[in-house]
C-alpha atoms as a PDB file:
ATOM      1  CA  MET A   1      -0.012   0.013  -0.131  1.00  0.00           C
ATOM      2  CA  SER A   2       1.295   3.421  -0.953  1.00  0.00           C
ATOM      3  CA  ARG A   3       1.530   5.984   1.861  1.00  0.00           C
ATOM      4  CA  THR A   4      -0.517   8.558  -0.031  1.00  0.00           C
ATOM      5  CA  ILE A   5      -3.811  10.326   0.564  1.00  0.00           C
ATOM      6  CA  THR A   6      -6.083  10.135  -2.628  1.00  0.00           C
ATOM      7  CA  VAL A   7      -8.982  12.335  -3.426  1.00  0.00           C
ATOM      8  CA  GLY A   8     -11.676  11.547  -6.026  1.00  0.00           C
ATOM      9  CA  LEU A   9     -12.145  14.766  -7.769  1.00  0.00           C
ATOM     10  CA  ASP A  10     -14.895  15.792 -10.338  1.00  0.00           C
ATOM     11  CA  GLY A  11     -14.860  19.483 -10.294  1.00  0.00           C
ATOM     12  CA  SER A  12     -18.008  19.758  -8.051  1.00  0.00           C
ATOM     13  CA  PRO A  13     -18.087  22.169  -4.952  1.00  0.00           C
ATOM     14  CA  GLU A  14     -18.141  19.043  -2.692  1.00  0.00           C
ATOM     15  CA  SER A  15     -14.990  17.394  -4.286  1.00  0.00           C
ATOM     16  CA  ARG A  16     -13.162  20.713  -4.131  1.00  0.00           C
ATOM     17  CA  ALA A  17     -13.937  20.782  -0.367  1.00  0.00           C
ATOM     18  CA  ALA A  18     -12.768  17.127   0.020  1.00  0.00           C
ATOM     19  CA  ALA A  19      -9.470  18.124  -1.750  1.00  0.00           C
ATOM     20  CA  GLU A  20      -8.968  21.088   0.640  1.00  0.00           C
ATOM     21  CA  TRP A  21      -9.654  18.670   3.686  1.00  0.00           C
ATOM     22  CA  ALA A  22      -7.371  16.160   2.218  1.00  0.00           C
ATOM     23  CA  ALA A  23      -4.598  18.730   1.857  1.00  0.00           C
ATOM     24  CA  ARG A  24      -4.790  19.620   5.530  1.00  0.00           C
ATOM     25  CA  GLU A  25      -4.917  15.886   6.518  1.00  0.00           C
ATOM     26  CA  ALA A  26      -1.750  15.315   4.242  1.00  0.00           C
ATOM     27  CA  LYS A  27       0.021  17.961   6.117  1.00  0.00           C
ATOM     28  CA  LEU A  28      -0.932  16.441   9.478  1.00  0.00           C
ATOM     29  CA  ARG A  29       0.299  13.118   8.389  1.00  0.00           C
ATOM     30  CA  GLY A  30       3.383  14.294   6.427  1.00  0.00           C
ATOM     31  CA  LEU A  31       2.142  12.478   3.302  1.00  0.00           C
ATOM     32  CA  PRO A  32       1.750  13.392  -0.456  1.00  0.00           C
ATOM     33  CA  LEU A  33      -1.550  14.123  -1.864  1.00  0.00           C
ATOM     34  CA  ARG A  34      -2.840  12.564  -5.159  1.00  0.00           C
ATOM     35  CA  LEU A  35      -5.827  14.100  -6.999  1.00  0.00           C
ATOM     36  CA  LEU A  36      -7.618  11.671  -9.238  1.00  0.00           C
ATOM     37  CA  HIS A  37     -10.291  12.395 -11.785  1.00  0.00           C
ATOM     38  CA  VAL A  38     -12.067   9.443 -13.308  1.00  0.00           C
ATOM     39  CA  TRP A  39     -13.262   9.924 -16.811  1.00  0.00           C
ATOM     40  CA  GLU A  40     -16.181   7.632 -17.827  1.00  0.00           C
ATOM     41  CA  PRO A  41     -16.268   7.197 -21.537  1.00  0.00           C
ATOM     42  CA  VAL A  42     -19.404   8.788 -23.100  1.00  0.00           C
ATOM     43  CA  PRO A  43     -21.706   6.479 -25.168  1.00  0.00           C
ATOM     44  CA  GLU A  44     -21.037   6.431 -28.849  1.00  0.00           C
ATOM     45  CA  PRO A  45     -23.938   8.681 -29.928  1.00  0.00           C
ATOM     46  CA  MET A  46     -22.925  11.355 -27.427  1.00  0.00           C
ATOM     47  CA  ALA A  47     -19.255  11.127 -28.430  1.00  0.00           C
ATOM     48  CA  ARG A  48     -20.267  12.226 -31.817  1.00  0.00           C
ATOM     49  CA  ALA A  49     -21.835  15.542 -30.509  1.00  0.00           C
ATOM     50  CA  PRO A  50     -19.442  18.347 -30.826  1.00  0.00           C
ATOM     51  CA  LEU A  51     -19.837  19.789 -27.334  1.00  0.00           C
ATOM     52  CA  LEU A  52     -20.099  16.443 -25.433  1.00  0.00           C
ATOM     53  CA  GLY A  53     -17.550  14.511 -27.457  1.00  0.00           C
ATOM     54  CA  ALA A  54     -14.566  12.354 -26.129  1.00  0.00           C
ATOM     55  CA  GLU A  55     -12.095  14.994 -26.688  1.00  0.00           C
ATOM     56  CA  THR A  56     -14.140  17.468 -24.586  1.00  0.00           C
ATOM     57  CA  HIS A  57     -14.361  15.108 -21.783  1.00  0.00           C
ATOM     58  CA  ARG A  58     -10.773  14.272 -21.869  1.00  0.00           C
ATOM     59  CA  HIS A  59      -9.835  17.991 -21.866  1.00  0.00           C
ATOM     60  CA  TRP A  60     -11.718  18.491 -18.567  1.00  0.00           C
ATOM     61  CA  SER A  61     -10.509  15.243 -17.052  1.00  0.00           C
ATOM     62  CA  GLU A  62      -7.087  16.612 -17.371  1.00  0.00           C
ATOM     63  CA  LYS A  63      -7.906  20.243 -16.753  1.00  0.00           C
ATOM     64  CA  ILE A  64      -9.789  19.762 -13.372  1.00  0.00           C
ATOM     65  CA  PRO A  65      -7.157  17.996 -11.481  1.00  0.00           C
ATOM     66  CA  ARG A  66      -4.321  20.118 -12.809  1.00  0.00           C
ATOM     67  CA  GLU A  67      -5.816  23.455 -11.892  1.00  0.00           C
ATOM     68  CA  THR A  68      -7.037  22.140  -8.639  1.00  0.00           C
ATOM     69  CA  ALA A  69      -3.463  20.925  -7.737  1.00  0.00           C
ATOM     70  CA  GLU A  70      -1.999  24.362  -8.595  1.00  0.00           C
ATOM     71  CA  GLY A  71      -4.439  25.963  -6.180  1.00  0.00           C
ATOM     72  CA  LEU A  72      -3.609  23.603  -3.482  1.00  0.00           C
ATOM     73  CA  ARG A  73       0.106  23.955  -3.781  1.00  0.00           C
ATOM     74  CA  LEU A  74      -0.357  27.652  -3.279  1.00  0.00           C
ATOM     75  CA  ARG A  75      -2.770  27.356  -0.136  1.00  0.00           C
ATOM     76  CA  HIS A  76      -0.933  24.449   1.433  1.00  0.00           C
ATOM     77  CA  PRO A  77       2.816  24.960   0.972  1.00  0.00           C
ATOM     78  CA  GLY A  78       4.863  21.964   1.906  1.00  0.00           C
ATOM     79  CA  VAL A  79       2.349  19.497   0.764  1.00  0.00           C
ATOM     80  CA  GLU A  80       3.379  17.459  -2.297  1.00  0.00           C
ATOM     81  CA  VAL A  81       0.459  17.311  -4.608  1.00  0.00           C
ATOM     82  CA  THR A  82       0.216  15.339  -7.840  1.00  0.00           C
ATOM     83  CA  ALA A  83      -2.665  15.112 -10.293  1.00  0.00           C
ATOM     84  CA  GLY A  84      -3.890  12.509 -12.715  1.00  0.00           C
ATOM     85  CA  HIS A  85      -6.886  11.014 -14.349  1.00  0.00           C
ATOM     86  CA  ARG A  86      -8.054   7.429 -15.254  1.00  0.00           C
ATOM     87  CA  THR A  87     -10.863   6.132 -17.603  1.00  0.00           C
ATOM     88  CA  GLY A  88     -13.545   3.795 -16.325  1.00  0.00           C
ATOM     89  CA  ARG A  89     -16.544   3.711 -14.026  1.00  0.00           C
ATOM     90  CA  PRO A  90     -15.868   6.044 -10.915  1.00  0.00           C
ATOM     91  CA  SER A  91     -17.003   3.530  -8.394  1.00  0.00           C
ATOM     92  CA  GLU A  92     -14.819   0.633  -9.703  1.00  0.00           C
ATOM     93  CA  VAL A  93     -11.750   2.795 -10.348  1.00  0.00           C
ATOM     94  CA  LEU A  94     -11.923   4.371  -6.954  1.00  0.00           C
ATOM     95  CA  GLY A  95     -12.621   0.987  -5.362  1.00  0.00           C
ATOM     96  CA  GLU A  96      -9.326  -0.165  -6.956  1.00  0.00           C
ATOM     97  CA  VAL A  97      -7.477   2.859  -5.839  1.00  0.00           C
ATOM     98  CA  ALA A  98      -8.671   2.219  -2.303  1.00  0.00           C
ATOM     99  CA  SER A  99      -6.439  -0.741  -2.172  1.00  0.00           C
ATOM    100  CA  THR A 100      -3.204   1.191  -2.963  1.00  0.00           C
ATOM    101  CA  THR A 101      -3.675   4.187  -0.906  1.00  0.00           C
ATOM    102  CA  GLU A 102      -3.612   5.029   2.828  1.00  0.00           C
ATOM    103  CA  LEU A 103      -6.787   7.162   2.932  1.00  0.00           C
ATOM    104  CA  LEU A 104      -9.295   7.937   0.260  1.00  0.00           C
ATOM    105  CA  VAL A 105     -11.382  11.229   0.505  1.00  0.00           C
ATOM    106  CA  LEU A 106     -14.615  11.917  -1.343  1.00  0.00           C
ATOM    107  CA  GLY A 107     -16.981  14.852  -1.559  1.00  0.00           C
ATOM    108  CA  SER A 108     -20.678  14.554  -0.708  1.00  0.00           C
ATOM    109  CA  ARG A 109     -23.280  17.218  -1.393  1.00  0.00           C
ATOM    110  CA  GLY A 110     -24.396  18.983   1.812  1.00  0.00           C
ATOM    111  CA  LEU A 111     -27.929  19.819   2.739  1.00  0.00           C
ATOM    112  CA  SER A 112     -28.755  23.320   4.182  1.00  0.00           C
ATOM    113  CA  GLY A 113     -27.776  24.137   7.766  1.00  0.00           C
ATOM    114  CA  LEU A 114     -27.006  21.093   9.812  1.00  0.00           C
ATOM    115  CA  GLY A 115     -29.117  18.734   7.742  1.00  0.00           C
ATOM    116  CA  GLY A 116     -26.198  16.620   6.844  1.00  0.00           C
ATOM    117  CA  PHE A 117     -25.043  14.991   3.674  1.00  0.00           C
ATOM    118  CA  MET A 118     -26.391  13.641   0.299  1.00  0.00           C
ATOM    119  CA  VAL A 119     -24.274  10.594  -0.436  1.00  0.00           C
ATOM    120  CA  GLY A 120     -24.575   9.589  -4.022  1.00  0.00           C
ATOM    121  CA  SER A 121     -24.512   6.007  -5.421  1.00  0.00           C
ATOM    122  CA  VAL A 122     -20.694   6.396  -6.282  1.00  0.00           C
ATOM    123  CA  GLY A 123     -19.818   7.349  -2.763  1.00  0.00           C
ATOM    124  CA  LEU A 124     -21.940   4.637  -1.143  1.00  0.00           C
ATOM    125  CA  ALA A 125     -20.547   2.049  -3.530  1.00  0.00           C
ATOM    126  CA  VAL A 126     -16.874   3.094  -2.677  1.00  0.00           C
ATOM    127  CA  VAL A 127     -17.414   3.197   1.074  1.00  0.00           C
ATOM    128  CA  ALA A 128     -19.092  -0.202   0.987  1.00  0.00           C
ATOM    129  CA  ARG A 129     -16.312  -1.878  -0.893  1.00  0.00           C
ATOM    130  CA  ALA A 130     -13.132   0.196  -0.033  1.00  0.00           C
ATOM    131  CA  ALA A 131     -10.274  -1.611   1.807  1.00  0.00           C
ATOM    132  CA  CYS A 132      -8.775   1.602   3.220  1.00  0.00           C
ATOM    133  CA  PRO A 133     -10.570   4.267   5.432  1.00  0.00           C
ATOM    134  CA  VAL A 134     -12.809   6.542   3.418  1.00  0.00           C
ATOM    135  CA  VAL A 135     -13.588  10.112   4.524  1.00  0.00           C
ATOM    136  CA  LEU A 136     -16.738  11.858   3.264  1.00  0.00           C
ATOM    137  CA  VAL A 137     -16.461  15.644   3.241  1.00  0.00           C
ATOM    138  CA  ARG A 138     -19.576  17.771   2.333  1.00  0.00           C
ATOM    139  CA  ALA A 139     -19.769  20.835   0.261  1.00  0.00           C
ATOM    140  CA  GLY A 140     -18.983  24.036   2.062  1.00  0.00           C
ATOM    141  CA  GLU A 141     -16.815  22.439   4.639  1.00  0.00           C
ATOM    142  CA  GLN A 142     -14.128  25.010   5.827  1.00  0.00           C
ATOM    143  CA  ALA A 143     -10.997  24.609   7.931  1.00  0.00           C
ATOM    144  CA  ALA A 144     -12.585  26.866  10.648  1.00  0.00           C
ATOM    145  CA  ASP A 145     -15.499  24.223  11.043  1.00  0.00           C
ATOM    146  CA  GLU A 146     -13.069  21.902  12.594  1.00  0.00           C
ATOM    147  CA  HIS A 147     -11.882  24.264  15.258  1.00  0.00           C
ATOM    148  CA  GLU A 148     -13.306  25.997  18.261  1.00  0.00           C
ATOM    149  CA  MET A 149     -14.654  29.441  18.051  1.00  0.00           C
ATOM    150  CA  ASP A 150     -12.263  32.209  18.996  1.00  0.00           C
ATOM    151  CA  PRO A 151     -12.738  34.117  22.313  1.00  0.00           C
ATOM    152  CA  ALA A 152     -14.982  36.589  20.312  1.00  0.00           C
ATOM    153  CA  GLY A 153     -17.242  33.817  19.049  1.00  0.00           C
ATOM    154  CA  ILE A 154     -15.819  33.976  15.505  1.00  0.00           C
ATOM    155  CA  PRO A 155     -14.894  31.002  13.504  1.00  0.00           C
ATOM    156  CA  SER A 156     -11.151  30.475  13.135  1.00  0.00           C
ATOM    157  CA  ALA A 157      -8.831  27.848  12.038  1.00  0.00           C
ATOM    158  CA  ALA A 158      -6.206  29.195  14.449  1.00  0.00           C
ATOM    159  CA  THR A 159      -7.902  27.917  17.615  1.00  0.00           C
ATOM    160  CA  PRO A 160      -7.596  24.232  18.945  1.00  0.00           C
ATOM    161  CA  TYR A 161      -9.386  21.462  17.065  1.00  0.00           C
ATOM    162  CA  ARG A 162     -12.706  20.316  18.176  1.00  0.00           C
ATOM    163  CA  PRO A 163     -12.690  16.700  19.506  1.00  0.00           C
ATOM    164  CA  VAL A 164     -12.676  13.634  17.284  1.00  0.00           C
ATOM    165  CA  LEU A 165     -15.961  11.714  17.800  1.00  0.00           C
ATOM    166  CA  LEU A 166     -15.746   7.932  17.763  1.00  0.00           C
ATOM    167  CA  GLY A 167     -18.916   5.663  17.510  1.00  0.00           C
ATOM    168  CA  ILE A 168     -18.066   2.230  19.127  1.00  0.00           C
ATOM    169  CA  ASP A 169     -19.751  -1.198  19.859  1.00  0.00           C
ATOM    170  CA  ALA A 170     -18.248  -1.907  23.221  1.00  0.00           C
ATOM    171  CA  GLY A 171     -19.387  -5.474  22.987  1.00  0.00           C
ATOM    172  CA  HIS A 172     -17.499  -6.054  19.760  1.00  0.00           C
ATOM    173  CA  PRO A 173     -14.774  -3.504  19.598  1.00  0.00           C
ATOM    174  CA  ASP A 174     -12.421  -3.373  16.623  1.00  0.00           C
ATOM    175  CA  ALA A 175      -8.882  -2.211  17.052  1.00  0.00           C
ATOM    176  CA  SER A 176      -8.482  -0.739  13.702  1.00  0.00           C
ATOM    177  CA  VAL A 177     -11.441   1.800  14.195  1.00  0.00           C
ATOM    178  CA  ILE A 178     -10.436   2.685  17.687  1.00  0.00           C
ATOM    179  CA  GLU A 179      -6.858   3.225  16.866  1.00  0.00           C
ATOM    180  CA  PHE A 180      -7.749   5.309  13.684  1.00  0.00           C
ATOM    181  CA  ALA A 181      -9.767   7.601  16.079  1.00  0.00           C
ATOM    182  CA  PHE A 182      -7.084   7.923  18.722  1.00  0.00           C
ATOM    183  CA  ASP A 183      -4.410   8.551  15.944  1.00  0.00           C
ATOM    184  CA  GLU A 184      -6.582  11.275  14.312  1.00  0.00           C
ATOM    185  CA  ALA A 185      -7.089  12.933  17.828  1.00  0.00           C
ATOM    186  CA  ALA A 186      -3.337  12.772  18.640  1.00  0.00           C
ATOM    187  CA  ARG A 187      -2.546  14.377  15.275  1.00  0.00           C
ATOM    188  CA  ARG A 188      -4.795  17.285  15.921  1.00  0.00           C
ATOM    189  CA  GLY A 189      -3.704  17.706  19.515  1.00  0.00           C
ATOM    190  CA  THR A 190      -7.358  17.352  20.604  1.00  0.00           C
ATOM    191  CA  GLY A 191      -9.523  15.040  22.735  1.00  0.00           C
ATOM    192  CA  LEU A 192     -11.608  12.001  21.766  1.00  0.00           C
ATOM    193  CA  HIS A 193     -15.183  11.740  22.481  1.00  0.00           C
ATOM    194  CA  VAL A 194     -16.352   8.170  22.500  1.00  0.00           C
ATOM    195  CA  VAL A 195     -20.089   7.323  22.252  1.00  0.00           C
ATOM    196  CA  HIS A 196     -21.381   3.850  22.912  1.00  0.00           C
ATOM    197  CA  ALA A 197     -25.134   3.542  22.609  1.00  0.00           C
ATOM    198  CA  TRP A 198     -27.211   0.373  23.377  1.00  0.00           C
ATOM    199  CA  ASN A 199     -30.798  -0.794  23.463  1.00  0.00           C
ATOM    200  CA  LEU A 200     -32.328  -2.626  26.361  1.00  0.00           C
ATOM    201  CA  PRO A 201     -33.171  -6.315  26.021  1.00  0.00           C
ATOM    202  CA  PRO A 202     -36.569  -7.079  24.770  1.00  0.00           C
ATOM    203  CA  TYR A 203     -37.940  -8.228  28.143  1.00  0.00           C
ATOM    204  CA  TYR A 204     -37.255  -4.654  29.404  1.00  0.00           C
ATOM    205  CA  VAL A 205     -38.806  -3.039  26.457  1.00  0.00           C
ATOM    206  CA  TYR A 206     -42.081  -5.107  26.863  1.00  0.00           C
ATOM    207  CA  GLY A 207     -42.200  -4.538  30.532  1.00  0.00           C
ATOM    208  CA  ALA A 208     -41.506  -8.220  31.515  1.00  0.00           C
ATOM    209  CA  VAL A 209     -38.861  -6.970  34.038  1.00  0.00           C
ATOM    210  CA  THR A 210     -39.324  -3.586  35.898  1.00  0.00           C
ATOM    211  CA  ASP A 211     -36.698  -3.868  38.731  1.00  0.00           C
ATOM    212  CA  LEU A 212     -34.745  -0.642  38.649  1.00  0.00           C
ATOM    213  CA  GLU A 213     -31.865  -2.433  40.191  1.00  0.00           C
ATOM    214  CA  GLN A 214     -31.553  -4.842  37.414  1.00  0.00           C
ATOM    215  CA  TYR A 215     -31.850  -1.828  34.985  1.00  0.00           C
ATOM    216  CA  ASP A 216     -28.827  -0.086  36.864  1.00  0.00           C
ATOM    217  CA  ALA A 217     -26.969  -3.338  36.442  1.00  0.00           C
ATOM    218  CA  VAL A 218     -27.407  -3.300  32.680  1.00  0.00           C
ATOM    219  CA  VAL A 219     -26.229   0.368  32.607  1.00  0.00           C
ATOM    220  CA  GLN A 220     -23.169  -0.565  34.817  1.00  0.00           C
ATOM    221  CA  TRP A 221     -22.285  -3.450  32.754  1.00  0.00           C
ATOM    222  CA  GLN A 222     -22.354  -1.525  29.563  1.00  0.00           C
ATOM    223  CA  ALA A 223     -20.197   1.268  31.037  1.00  0.00           C
ATOM    224  CA  THR A 224     -17.617  -1.346  32.158  1.00  0.00           C
ATOM    225  CA  GLU A 225     -17.444  -2.941  28.758  1.00  0.00           C
ATOM    226  CA  LEU A 226     -16.733   0.574  27.235  1.00  0.00           C
ATOM    227  CA  THR A 227     -14.065   1.309  29.821  1.00  0.00           C
ATOM    228  CA  GLU A 228     -12.285  -2.029  29.195  1.00  0.00           C
ATOM    229  CA  ALA A 229     -12.445  -1.628  25.520  1.00  0.00           C
ATOM    230  CA  LEU A 230     -10.727   1.740  25.596  1.00  0.00           C
ATOM    231  CA  ARG A 231      -8.199   0.841  28.259  1.00  0.00           C
ATOM    232  CA  PRO A 232      -5.295  -0.376  26.046  1.00  0.00           C
ATOM    233  CA  TRP A 233      -5.747   2.706  23.796  1.00  0.00           C
ATOM    234  CA  ARG A 234      -5.705   5.149  26.562  1.00  0.00           C
ATOM    235  CA  GLU A 235      -2.323   3.618  27.543  1.00  0.00           C
ATOM    236  CA  LYS A 236      -1.111   3.776  24.002  1.00  0.00           C
ATOM    237  CA  TYR A 237      -2.094   7.435  23.536  1.00  0.00           C
ATOM    238  CA  PRO A 238      -1.522   9.095  26.823  1.00  0.00           C
ATOM    239  CA  SER A 239      -1.652  12.592  25.487  1.00  0.00           C
ATOM    240  CA  VAL A 240      -5.370  11.972  24.146  1.00  0.00           C
ATOM    241  CA  GLU A 241      -8.074  12.712  26.642  1.00  0.00           C
ATOM    242  CA  ALA A 242     -10.698  10.246  25.912  1.00  0.00           C
ATOM    243  CA  VAL A 243     -14.195  11.146  27.295  1.00  0.00           C
ATOM    244  CA  ALA A 244     -16.435   7.983  27.026  1.00  0.00           C
ATOM    245  CA  VAL A 245     -20.157   8.079  27.243  1.00  0.00           C
ATOM    246  CA  SER A 246     -22.496   5.046  27.361  1.00  0.00           C
ATOM    247  CA  ARG A 247     -26.197   5.597  26.843  1.00  0.00           C
ATOM    248  CA  SER A 248     -29.323   3.780  26.006  1.00  0.00           C
ATOM    249  CA  GLY A 249     -31.154   4.659  22.836  1.00  0.00           C
ATOM    250  CA  SER A 250     -30.270   4.878  19.085  1.00  0.00           C
ATOM    251  CA  PRO A 251     -26.489   4.822  18.343  1.00  0.00           C
ATOM    252  CA  ALA A 252     -27.087   6.780  15.064  1.00  0.00           C
ATOM    253  CA  GLU A 253     -29.076   9.618  16.806  1.00  0.00           C
ATOM    254  CA  HIS A 254     -26.497  10.067  19.508  1.00  0.00           C
ATOM    255  CA  LEU A 255     -23.594  10.168  17.036  1.00  0.00           C
ATOM    256  CA  ILE A 256     -25.463  12.627  14.730  1.00  0.00           C
ATOM    257  CA  THR A 257     -26.113  15.032  17.578  1.00  0.00           C
ATOM    258  CA  ALA A 258     -22.682  14.878  19.084  1.00  0.00           C
ATOM    259  CA  SER A 259     -21.162  15.396  15.500  1.00  0.00           C
ATOM    260  CA  ARG A 260     -22.218  19.143  15.750  1.00  0.00           C
ATOM    261  CA  GLU A 261     -19.277  19.658  18.115  1.00  0.00           C
ATOM    262  CA  ALA A 262     -16.911  17.297  16.402  1.00  0.00           C
ATOM    263  CA  SER A 263     -13.883  17.973  13.936  1.00  0.00           C
ATOM    264  CA  LEU A 264     -14.339  14.504  12.473  1.00  0.00           C
ATOM    265  CA  VAL A 265     -16.612  11.602  13.144  1.00  0.00           C
ATOM    266  CA  VAL A 266     -15.088   8.004  13.042  1.00  0.00           C
ATOM    267  CA  VAL A 267     -17.371   4.929  12.498  1.00  0.00           C
ATOM    268  CA  GLY A 268     -16.717   1.372  11.374  1.00  0.00           C
ATOM    269  CA  ARG A 269     -17.861  -0.836   8.602  1.00  0.00           C
ATOM    270  CA  ARG A 270     -17.924  -4.559   8.797  1.00  0.00           C
ATOM    271  CA  ILE A 271     -16.310  -6.227   5.758  1.00  0.00           C
ATOM    272  CA  ARG A 272     -18.846  -8.539   4.030  1.00  0.00           C
ATOM    273  CA  ARG A 273     -17.902 -11.230   1.702  1.00  0.00           C
ATOM    274  CA  SER A 274     -20.996 -11.319  -0.485  1.00  0.00           C
ATOM    275  CA  PRO A 275     -20.680  -9.434  -3.780  1.00  0.00           C
ATOM    276  CA  PHE A 276     -24.400  -8.347  -3.699  1.00  0.00           C
ATOM    277  CA  GLY A 277     -25.837  -5.300  -1.993  1.00  0.00           C
ATOM    278  CA  VAL A 278     -24.248  -2.324  -0.321  1.00  0.00           C
ATOM    279  CA  HIS A 279     -22.965  -3.480   3.057  1.00  0.00           C
ATOM    280  CA  ILE A 280     -22.500  -0.329   5.281  1.00  0.00           C
ATOM    281  CA  GLY A 281     -24.650  -1.135   8.238  1.00  0.00           C
ATOM    282  CA  PRO A 282     -27.539   1.137   9.340  1.00  0.00           C
ATOM    283  CA  VAL A 283     -25.720   3.132  11.919  1.00  0.00           C
ATOM    284  CA  THR A 284     -22.969   4.059   9.607  1.00  0.00           C
ATOM    285  CA  HIS A 285     -25.431   4.677   6.794  1.00  0.00           C
ATOM    286  CA  ALA A 286     -27.468   7.188   9.002  1.00  0.00           C
ATOM    287  CA  VAL A 287     -24.169   8.894  10.165  1.00  0.00           C
ATOM    288  CA  LEU A 288     -22.978   9.388   6.605  1.00  0.00           C
ATOM    289  CA  HIS A 289     -26.167  11.040   5.520  1.00  0.00           C
ATOM    290  CA  HIS A 290     -26.744  13.352   8.565  1.00  0.00           C
ATOM    291  CA  ALA A 291     -23.500  13.986  10.485  1.00  0.00           C
ATOM    292  CA  ALA A 292     -22.485  17.631  10.722  1.00  0.00           C
ATOM    293  CA  ALA A 293     -18.855  16.944  10.356  1.00  0.00           C
ATOM    294  CA  PRO A 294     -16.528  14.978   7.899  1.00  0.00           C
ATOM    295  CA  VAL A 295     -16.967  11.273   8.360  1.00  0.00           C
ATOM    296  CA  ALA A 296     -14.358   8.692   8.314  1.00  0.00           C
ATOM    297  CA  VAL A 297     -15.501   5.039   7.697  1.00  0.00           C
ATOM    298  CA  VAL A 298     -12.947   2.460   8.718  1.00  0.00           C
ATOM    299  CA  ALA A 299     -13.490  -1.167   7.279  1.00  0.00           C
ATOM    300  CA  HIS A 300     -12.788  -4.068   9.636  1.00  0.00           C
ATOM    301  CA  VAL A 301     -13.501  -7.772   9.750  1.00  0.00           C
END
C-alpha cells in the first residue's frame, strides 16, 4: 500500500471541499496528496456531439485535477500534490485505488444548515467496498469548522481543534477503528469523544422486568465494557483525553447529535464477503447522511 492520500475529484464544490480537507490531512500526516479524476467514456452517440464528445471530456478530465493541484500547492505549501486521471466507471476505479492508498477522500453534497450529507451512489458504492478508510466531506466544509470558536465567538482555523468523535460497539470493539480515531485525535492535539449507545433487552422493552436495580446493573455493565474496550488505547495514547459516554437509545441519533461539536466522526464498517448489495450497516449509513462533520468510515473484519 502506498503511503498517499487520494482524493476523488470531479470539479464539483463537494469534491473541491474534499480536496482542501485532504490537503490539511496530508500536512498533518506528512504524506503526499494525489488528486484523481475518473473519466467515464461517453456513449457512442454522445461522443459524436461536438460539445459533448470524447475530446471535450478528456480535456476536462485533465484540466480539473491540474488546476485544482495548482491551487492546493499555493494554499498548502509544503504538501506534495500530484494530479492524474483515469478512464472507467468512477465507483470501480476508486474502489481499486482504495487498495493502494492509505486514505481515500470523497466529496458529498451538503444539505442546508446542519441537515447533513447527500451521499450519492458512487460514494456509497466506494465506502461499501473500500479496503482503506474513506472520508466523506460535504460541500461548504471549511477549515474553521473543525476548530473551536475564538474568544470573540468568531470561526477561526487558528484555535484548537474540536474533539474527534468515535462511535463504538463496546461489546464487539475493533482495534483498527479505535486506533484510527485515537491517532486522528493525537495528530490534531485534541480530545476524543467516544459514544457507545445500546438498546435494552426485549424483556425490558415489553415490561417483563421492571426492577430498577436490574436496569442499573445493565447500565453499569455497558459502561464497564466501554471502559475495558478503551483501556489499552488510553495507555497507548496518553496525550489523548478520551471522554467516554455510554447511553441507551439509538446509536445513530446520539452520534449525529454529537457530531455538531466534532472535527471528525469515526465509525466502522464490517467487511462482508457477499458481492451483492451495499454493506455499510444502518448506523454508519445514517451517520454518513446526517452528520454535521466529515465522516471517516474504517473497514474491519
